[in-house]
Protein backbone atom coordinates (compact mmCIF):
# COMPACT_ATOMS: atom_id res chain seq x y z
CA LEU A 1 101.13 35.12 93.74
CA LYS A 2 98.85 35.78 96.69
CA GLU A 3 98.66 32.05 97.45
CA LEU A 4 102.46 31.92 97.79
CA GLY A 5 102.41 34.46 100.59
CA PRO A 6 104.16 37.85 100.81
CA ASP A 7 107.38 36.27 102.10
CA LYS A 8 107.80 34.35 98.83
CA LEU A 9 107.22 37.22 96.38
CA LYS A 10 110.25 37.89 94.24
CA GLU A 11 111.09 40.90 92.10
CA ILE A 12 111.83 40.09 88.46
CA LYS A 13 114.09 42.45 86.49
CA LEU A 14 113.70 42.23 82.74
CA ASN A 15 116.75 42.77 80.54
CA GLY A 16 116.52 44.49 77.18
CA LEU A 17 114.09 47.28 78.14
CA TYR A 18 115.55 50.78 77.81
CA ASP A 19 114.69 54.37 78.66
CA VAL A 20 116.17 56.77 76.09
CA TYR A 21 117.33 60.32 76.81
CA ILE A 22 117.77 62.86 74.00
CA ASP A 23 120.11 65.84 74.18
CA LEU A 24 118.70 68.63 72.00
CA GLN A 25 120.87 71.01 69.99
CA ASP A 26 121.35 74.51 71.39
CA ASP A 27 119.19 76.06 68.66
CA VAL A 28 116.16 73.90 69.58
CA ASP A 29 113.78 75.45 72.09
CA PRO A 30 112.65 72.72 74.53
CA LYS A 31 109.45 74.73 75.11
CA ASP A 32 108.53 74.40 71.43
CA LEU A 33 106.38 71.30 71.92
CA ASP A 34 105.66 70.77 68.22
CA THR A 35 109.37 70.66 67.31
CA VAL A 36 110.22 68.49 70.32
CA ASN A 37 107.38 66.09 69.44
CA ASP A 38 108.65 65.81 65.83
CA ILE A 39 112.15 65.00 67.09
CA THR A 40 110.79 62.43 69.55
CA GLN A 41 108.70 60.71 66.88
CA CYS A 42 111.72 60.57 64.56
CA ALA A 43 113.75 59.03 67.38
CA TRP A 44 111.06 56.39 68.00
CA GLN A 45 111.14 55.41 64.31
CA GLN A 46 114.94 55.12 64.24
CA LEU A 47 115.05 53.09 67.44
CA TRP A 48 112.36 50.66 66.33
CA ARG A 49 114.00 50.30 62.92
CA HIS A 50 117.39 49.34 64.38
CA ARG A 51 116.55 47.56 67.63
CA ASN A 52 118.04 44.16 68.33
CA LEU A 53 116.07 41.01 69.01
CA CYS A 54 114.70 40.75 72.58
CA GLU A 55 115.12 44.53 73.05
CA ASP A 56 112.51 47.27 73.29
CA PHE A 57 112.30 50.92 74.32
CA VAL A 58 109.97 52.06 77.09
CA THR A 59 110.25 55.87 77.08
CA ILE A 60 112.00 58.71 75.28
CA ASN A 61 112.84 61.70 77.46
CA ILE A 62 114.40 65.10 76.82
CA ILE A 63 117.49 65.90 78.89
CA GLU A 64 116.76 68.98 81.01
CA GLU A 65 119.18 71.72 82.05
CA THR A 66 120.55 72.60 85.48
CA GLU A 67 121.47 76.28 85.33
CA PHE A 68 124.39 77.64 87.31
CA GLY A 69 126.52 80.76 87.50
CA ILE A 70 130.08 81.64 88.42
CA GLU A 71 131.71 84.52 90.28
CA VAL A 72 135.32 84.90 89.23
CA GLN A 73 138.14 87.35 89.87
CA VAL A 74 140.91 86.96 87.31
CA GLU A 75 144.36 88.49 87.00
CA LEU A 76 145.10 89.27 83.34
CA CYS A 77 148.36 89.16 81.44
CA PRO A 78 149.62 92.66 80.46
CA ASP A 79 148.79 92.28 76.74
CA ALA A 80 145.47 90.40 77.16
CA ASP A 81 142.19 91.58 75.61
CA VAL A 82 139.61 91.53 78.41
CA ASN A 83 136.64 90.88 76.06
CA LYS A 84 138.39 87.98 74.34
CA VAL A 85 139.45 86.40 77.64
CA ALA A 86 135.98 86.76 79.18
CA GLY A 87 134.28 85.20 76.15
CA ASP A 88 136.78 82.34 76.08
CA ILE A 89 136.26 81.63 79.79
CA TYR A 90 132.49 81.30 79.37
CA TYR A 91 132.78 79.24 76.17
CA TYR A 92 135.45 76.79 77.36
CA ILE A 93 133.71 76.17 80.70
CA GLN A 94 130.52 75.20 78.88
CA GLU A 95 132.46 73.14 76.32
CA PHE A 96 134.27 71.32 79.13
CA LEU A 97 131.01 70.41 80.86
CA THR A 98 129.04 69.53 77.69
CA PRO A 99 131.59 68.72 74.95
CA THR A 100 130.65 69.14 71.29
CA ILE A 101 130.67 65.80 69.47
CA PRO A 102 132.33 66.21 66.04
CA PHE A 103 131.52 64.27 62.87
CA TYR A 104 134.17 62.59 60.74
CA SER A 105 134.34 61.32 57.18
CA PHE A 106 135.37 57.73 56.45
CA LYS A 107 138.82 58.95 55.35
CA GLU A 108 139.33 60.83 58.63
CA MET A 109 138.24 57.85 60.71
CA TYR A 110 140.42 55.43 58.74
CA GLU A 111 143.57 57.50 58.26
CA GLU A 112 143.60 59.94 61.19
CA LYS A 113 141.76 57.95 63.87
CA LYS A 114 143.32 54.62 62.74
CA LYS A 115 139.99 52.80 63.00
CA LEU A 116 139.38 49.47 61.30
CA CYS A 117 136.61 49.23 58.70
CA GLU A 118 134.51 46.93 60.91
CA GLU A 119 134.76 49.47 63.74
CA ILE A 120 133.79 52.39 61.51
CA PHE A 121 130.71 50.71 60.05
CA GLU A 122 129.50 49.08 63.26
CA GLY A 123 125.90 49.99 64.04
CA PRO A 124 123.26 51.76 61.92
CA VAL A 125 124.24 54.04 59.04
CA LEU A 126 124.53 57.66 60.21
CA CYS A 127 123.31 60.63 58.17
CA ASN A 128 125.85 63.30 59.17
CA GLY A 129 129.14 61.39 59.31
CA PHE A 130 130.88 59.03 61.70
CA ILE A 131 131.29 59.53 65.46
CA ASP A 132 134.30 58.45 67.52
CA ASP A 133 133.03 56.30 70.40
CA ALA A 134 135.80 57.59 72.69
CA GLU A 135 134.64 61.19 72.18
CA LEU A 136 131.04 60.14 72.73
CA ASP A 137 132.01 58.56 76.07
CA LYS A 138 133.64 61.82 77.18
CA ALA A 139 130.35 63.63 76.60
CA GLN A 140 128.42 61.64 79.20
CA LEU A 141 126.24 63.63 81.60
CA ARG A 142 128.03 64.92 84.68
CA LYS A 143 126.82 64.34 88.21
CA GLU A 144 128.89 67.14 89.79
CA ILE A 145 130.67 70.32 88.79
CA TYR A 146 133.96 70.60 90.67
CA VAL A 147 135.51 73.99 91.37
CA SER A 148 138.97 72.49 90.83
CA ASP A 149 138.03 71.46 87.26
CA LEU A 150 136.69 74.93 86.38
CA TRP A 151 139.79 76.46 87.94
CA GLN A 152 141.99 74.48 85.55
CA VAL A 153 139.80 75.36 82.54
CA ILE A 154 140.09 79.08 83.31
CA MET A 155 143.85 78.86 83.88
CA ASP A 156 144.24 77.27 80.44
CA VAL A 157 142.59 80.26 78.73
CA CYS A 158 145.13 82.40 76.90
CA GLY A 159 145.57 85.73 78.69
CA VAL A 160 144.82 84.49 82.23
CA ALA A 161 147.73 85.00 84.63
CA GLY A 162 145.99 83.89 87.82
CA ILE A 163 142.70 83.42 89.67
CA LYS A 164 141.94 85.17 92.94
CA LYS A 165 138.38 83.92 93.47
CA LEU A 166 136.09 81.29 91.95
CA VAL A 167 132.61 80.56 93.28
CA ILE A 168 129.84 78.48 91.67
CA LYS A 169 126.12 78.88 92.45
CA LYS A 170 122.88 77.29 91.28
CA CYS A 171 120.57 79.60 89.32
CA ASP A 172 117.19 79.87 87.66
CA GLY A 173 117.68 82.31 84.83
CA ASP A 174 119.23 85.43 86.34
CA LYS A 175 118.07 84.54 89.87
CA VAL A 176 120.30 82.77 92.40
CA ILE A 177 118.51 79.86 94.09
CA GLU A 178 121.53 78.42 95.92
CA GLU A 179 124.35 80.76 96.96
CA GLY A 180 127.92 79.68 96.48
CA SER A 181 130.86 80.21 98.79
CA ASP A 182 134.62 79.79 98.81
CA LYS A 183 134.14 76.57 100.80
CA LYS A 184 131.74 74.99 98.27
CA LEU A 185 133.92 72.57 96.32
CA CYS A 186 131.30 71.13 93.95
CA LEU A 187 127.77 71.60 92.67
CA LYS A 188 125.48 68.56 92.37
CA ILE A 189 123.66 67.99 89.07
CA ALA A 190 120.29 66.22 89.06
CA PRO A 191 120.12 62.85 87.26
CA TYR A 192 119.62 63.13 83.48
CA HIS A 193 120.25 66.88 83.54
CA LYS A 194 123.06 68.77 81.85
CA PRO A 195 124.75 71.85 83.35
CA LYS A 196 124.25 75.18 81.60
CA LEU A 197 126.33 78.24 82.45
CA VAL A 198 124.10 81.35 82.57
CA LEU A 199 125.78 84.67 81.79
CA ALA A 200 123.02 86.72 83.46
CA CYS A 201 123.69 84.89 86.73
CA SER A 202 127.48 85.20 86.51
CA SER A 203 130.05 87.91 87.09
CA LEU A 204 133.64 88.26 85.90
CA SER A 205 136.02 90.93 87.18
CA PHE A 206 139.58 91.37 85.96
CA GLN A 207 142.69 92.96 87.34
CA LYS A 208 145.24 94.26 84.85
CA GLY A 209 148.24 95.67 86.63
CA PHE A 210 146.78 97.91 89.33
CA ASP A 211 143.52 98.56 87.45
CA CYS A 212 140.19 96.74 87.76
CA VAL A 213 138.61 96.20 84.33
CA PHE A 214 135.39 94.64 83.06
CA ALA A 215 134.34 93.12 79.76
CA ASP A 216 131.85 94.76 77.41
CA ASP A 217 128.69 92.60 77.36
CA ARG A 218 128.15 92.95 73.62
CA LYS A 219 131.73 92.10 72.67
CA LEU A 220 131.78 89.26 75.19
CA LYS A 221 128.71 87.64 73.60
CA GLU A 222 130.18 88.17 70.13
CA ARG A 223 133.31 86.29 71.21
CA ILE A 224 131.21 83.39 72.53
CA GLU A 225 129.24 83.17 69.28
CA LEU A 226 132.47 83.28 67.27
CA ASN A 227 133.86 80.37 69.28
CA LYS A 228 130.66 78.38 68.69
CA LYS A 229 130.88 78.95 64.93
CA LEU A 230 134.56 78.02 64.81
CA HIS A 231 133.96 74.77 66.72
CA GLN A 232 130.56 73.86 65.26
CA PRO A 233 130.57 70.24 64.05
CA VAL A 234 130.54 69.98 60.26
CA LYS A 235 128.18 67.39 58.81
CA LYS A 236 130.21 65.02 56.64
């Protein structure tokens, strides 16, 4: 190449080489290196077993989290339960940003989803049921968090009558590393990161009639856990 001269060097891009990114379940600690290594090795084996001709995998990476918090002032409906509304707000914001991917049986895919047999069985055999490709596409990693989207999510929560203030801020645990403001319309997410809403870095205040009320932390967390159990994907 040196004999050709630097003006004749040409970059060659190879097709069929892939970097793989794994999204861990919520109950897996990314700091538990032994568990993460076991998952990575299992992923390598599955990828090599099912790779196509002229394809190979270069790296397997774990998707990291970008933590953020919210500051919200909400006007409640007269008969609303403040703990239930607060828990639903936190849960549905996180679910909107990182949707849960459900599993389906063959009968559900064929009769309810109206999928053809060749569509259902395309690709390697799955261990926990079938996945709808359309729902998988909706779960792609986000590059920004828009205030307008979160506004709509909160307004859709049963018991919310209105929103007086909504601010998003970047956090590290319970510490704020980038302050939000009413003029900040979106929060950037680093490539191959997923957003995670941190309760310790967030604050919710509610107005019910002429009174200012707050949620009980214990009951709020219980409501979030209940929502997770109710919407947890069932292995088919």
